[in-house]
Amino acid sequence: MTVTKERLNQYKYLQKELEIAEDERAIFIQQEMTDIKNYIFKIPNGEIRLLFQYRYMQGLTWKQVSKKMYGFVAVDAPRKKVERYLKMEAC
């Protein structure tokens, strides 16, 4: 399964849409969310997996992710780790 940054960014939106969706659309949304969750939960590196969970599943900003992960604000560090991982996966 290919998960792109765009699909990851849709996760929080899909959660909200699922609340009002009906039948076929709800099934599609649930499948999309499941695909994204499965992708994230299969990331072997625990630190990278947490970065993905905080950013995409919980919808935290990069600043909030950094504070939660490292105890200080270093916005570029978590963002770059995620971007490197996505590039590596695309190869």
C-alpha atoms as a PDB file:
ATOM      1  CA  MET A   1       0.000   0.000   0.000  1.00  0.00           C
ATOM      2  CA  THR A   2       1.296   3.416  -0.909  1.00  0.00           C
ATOM      3  CA  VAL A   3       0.713   6.107   1.643  1.00  0.00           C
ATOM      4  CA  THR A   4       1.596   9.612   0.588  1.00  0.00           C
ATOM      5  CA  LYS A   5       1.964  12.736   2.658  1.00  0.00           C
ATOM      6  CA  GLU A   6      -1.356  13.902   1.205  1.00  0.00           C
ATOM      7  CA  ARG A   7      -3.148  10.754   2.385  1.00  0.00           C
ATOM      8  CA  LEU A   8      -1.598  11.074   5.819  1.00  0.00           C
ATOM      9  CA  ASN A   9      -2.745  14.691   6.061  1.00  0.00           C
ATOM     10  CA  GLN A  10      -6.325  13.603   5.329  1.00  0.00           C
ATOM     11  CA  TYR A  11      -6.615  11.381   8.408  1.00  0.00           C
ATOM     12  CA  LYS A  12      -8.013  14.006  10.820  1.00  0.00           C
ATOM     13  CA  TYR A  13     -10.366  15.295   8.112  1.00  0.00           C
ATOM     14  CA  LEU A  14     -11.614  11.752   7.484  1.00  0.00           C
ATOM     15  CA  GLN A  15     -12.361  11.294  11.194  1.00  0.00           C
ATOM     16  CA  LYS A  16     -14.644  14.335  11.108  1.00  0.00           C
ATOM     17  CA  GLU A  17     -16.232  13.339   7.811  1.00  0.00           C
ATOM     18  CA  LEU A  18     -16.972   9.844   9.116  1.00  0.00           C
ATOM     19  CA  GLU A  19     -19.266  11.315  11.773  1.00  0.00           C
ATOM     20  CA  ILE A  20     -21.662  12.608   9.113  1.00  0.00           C
ATOM     21  CA  ALA A  21     -21.086  10.134   6.271  1.00  0.00           C
ATOM     22  CA  GLU A  22     -23.653   7.565   5.287  1.00  0.00           C
ATOM     23  CA  ASP A  23     -23.378   3.959   4.094  1.00  0.00           C
ATOM     24  CA  GLU A  24     -21.036   3.632   1.104  1.00  0.00           C
ATOM     25  CA  ARG A  25     -19.095   6.813   1.851  1.00  0.00           C
ATOM     26  CA  ALA A  26     -18.643   5.724   5.482  1.00  0.00           C
ATOM     27  CA  ILE A  27     -17.278   2.361   4.343  1.00  0.00           C
ATOM     28  CA  PHE A  28     -14.789   4.092   2.033  1.00  0.00           C
ATOM     29  CA  ILE A  29     -13.696   6.477   4.800  1.00  0.00           C
ATOM     30  CA  GLN A  30     -13.256   3.655   7.294  1.00  0.00           C
ATOM     31  CA  GLN A  31     -11.131   1.722   4.805  1.00  0.00           C
ATOM     32  CA  GLU A  32      -8.969   4.749   4.069  1.00  0.00           C
ATOM     33  CA  MET A  33      -8.442   5.378   7.787  1.00  0.00           C
ATOM     34  CA  THR A  34      -7.611   1.708   8.354  1.00  0.00           C
ATOM     35  CA  ASP A  35      -5.051   1.779   5.530  1.00  0.00           C
ATOM     36  CA  ILE A  36      -3.355   4.822   7.046  1.00  0.00           C
ATOM     37  CA  LYS A  37      -3.374   3.333  10.566  1.00  0.00           C
ATOM     38  CA  ASN A  38      -1.946   0.037   9.299  1.00  0.00           C
ATOM     39  CA  TYR A  39       0.814   1.864   7.461  1.00  0.00           C
ATOM     40  CA  ILE A  40       1.746   3.858  10.568  1.00  0.00           C
ATOM     41  CA  PHE A  41       1.579   0.897  12.957  1.00  0.00           C
ATOM     42  CA  LYS A  42       3.889  -1.130  10.692  1.00  0.00           C
ATOM     43  CA  ILE A  43       6.687   1.452  10.814  1.00  0.00           C
ATOM     44  CA  PRO A  44       9.510  -0.519  12.459  1.00  0.00           C
ATOM     45  CA  ASN A  45      11.273   2.435  14.110  1.00  0.00           C
ATOM     46  CA  GLY A  46       9.394   3.386  17.297  1.00  0.00           C
ATOM     47  CA  GLU A  47      10.453   7.036  17.236  1.00  0.00           C
ATOM     48  CA  ILE A  48       9.368   7.501  13.624  1.00  0.00           C
ATOM     49  CA  ARG A  49       6.102   5.654  14.309  1.00  0.00           C
ATOM     50  CA  LEU A  50       5.327   8.027  17.213  1.00  0.00           C
ATOM     51  CA  LEU A  51       6.101  11.058  15.061  1.00  0.00           C
ATOM     52  CA  PHE A  52       3.585   9.810  12.491  1.00  0.00           C
ATOM     53  CA  GLN A  53       0.962   9.067  15.156  1.00  0.00           C
ATOM     54  CA  TYR A  54       1.272  12.479  16.805  1.00  0.00           C
ATOM     55  CA  ARG A  55       1.327  14.429  13.561  1.00  0.00           C
ATOM     56  CA  TYR A  56      -1.141  12.578  11.376  1.00  0.00           C
ATOM     57  CA  MET A  57      -3.448  10.608  13.664  1.00  0.00           C
ATOM     58  CA  GLN A  58      -3.651  13.114  16.522  1.00  0.00           C
ATOM     59  CA  GLY A  59      -3.304  16.154  14.269  1.00  0.00           C
ATOM     60  CA  LEU A  60      -0.632  17.904  16.348  1.00  0.00           C
ATOM     61  CA  THR A  61       1.439  20.702  14.842  1.00  0.00           C
ATOM     62  CA  TRP A  62       5.136  20.084  14.275  1.00  0.00           C
ATOM     63  CA  LYS A  63       5.826  22.377  17.226  1.00  0.00           C
ATOM     64  CA  GLN A  64       3.568  20.279  19.479  1.00  0.00           C
ATOM     65  CA  VAL A  65       5.099  17.045  18.162  1.00  0.00           C
ATOM     66  CA  SER A  66       8.586  18.307  18.944  1.00  0.00           C
ATOM     67  CA  LYS A  67       7.632  19.381  22.462  1.00  0.00           C
ATOM     68  CA  LYS A  68       5.941  16.048  23.171  1.00  0.00           C
ATOM     69  CA  MET A  69       8.764  13.932  21.740  1.00  0.00           C
ATOM     70  CA  TYR A  70      11.843  15.837  22.811  1.00  0.00           C
ATOM     71  CA  GLY A  71      10.700  18.207  25.559  1.00  0.00           C
ATOM     72  CA  PHE A  72      11.668  21.288  23.562  1.00  0.00           C
ATOM     73  CA  VAL A  73      10.670  22.960  20.332  1.00  0.00           C
ATOM     74  CA  ALA A  74      12.760  21.918  17.337  1.00  0.00           C
ATOM     75  CA  VAL A  75      10.168  22.034  14.567  1.00  0.00           C
ATOM     76  CA  ASP A  76      12.529  20.977  11.789  1.00  0.00           C
ATOM     77  CA  ALA A  77      13.850  17.846  13.507  1.00  0.00           C
ATOM     78  CA  PRO A  78      10.626  15.771  13.576  1.00  0.00           C
ATOM     79  CA  ARG A  79       9.431  17.099  10.226  1.00  0.00           C
ATOM     80  CA  LYS A  80      12.697  16.191   8.516  1.00  0.00           C
ATOM     81  CA  LYS A  81      12.724  12.717  10.070  1.00  0.00           C
ATOM     82  CA  VAL A  82       9.242  12.075   8.704  1.00  0.00           C
ATOM     83  CA  GLU A  83      10.118  13.475   5.277  1.00  0.00           C
ATOM     84  CA  ARG A  84      13.269  11.313   5.093  1.00  0.00           C
ATOM     85  CA  TYR A  85      11.260   8.256   6.034  1.00  0.00           C
ATOM     86  CA  LEU A  86       8.648   8.961   3.361  1.00  0.00           C
ATOM     87  CA  LYS A  87      11.387   9.457   0.736  1.00  0.00           C
ATOM     88  CA  MET A  88      13.044   6.213   1.777  1.00  0.00           C
ATOM     89  CA  GLU A  89       9.717   4.371   1.490  1.00  0.00           C
ATOM     90  CA  ALA A  90       9.090   5.818  -1.976  1.00  0.00           C
ATOM     91  CA  CYS A  91      12.324   4.317  -3.341  1.00  0.00           C
END
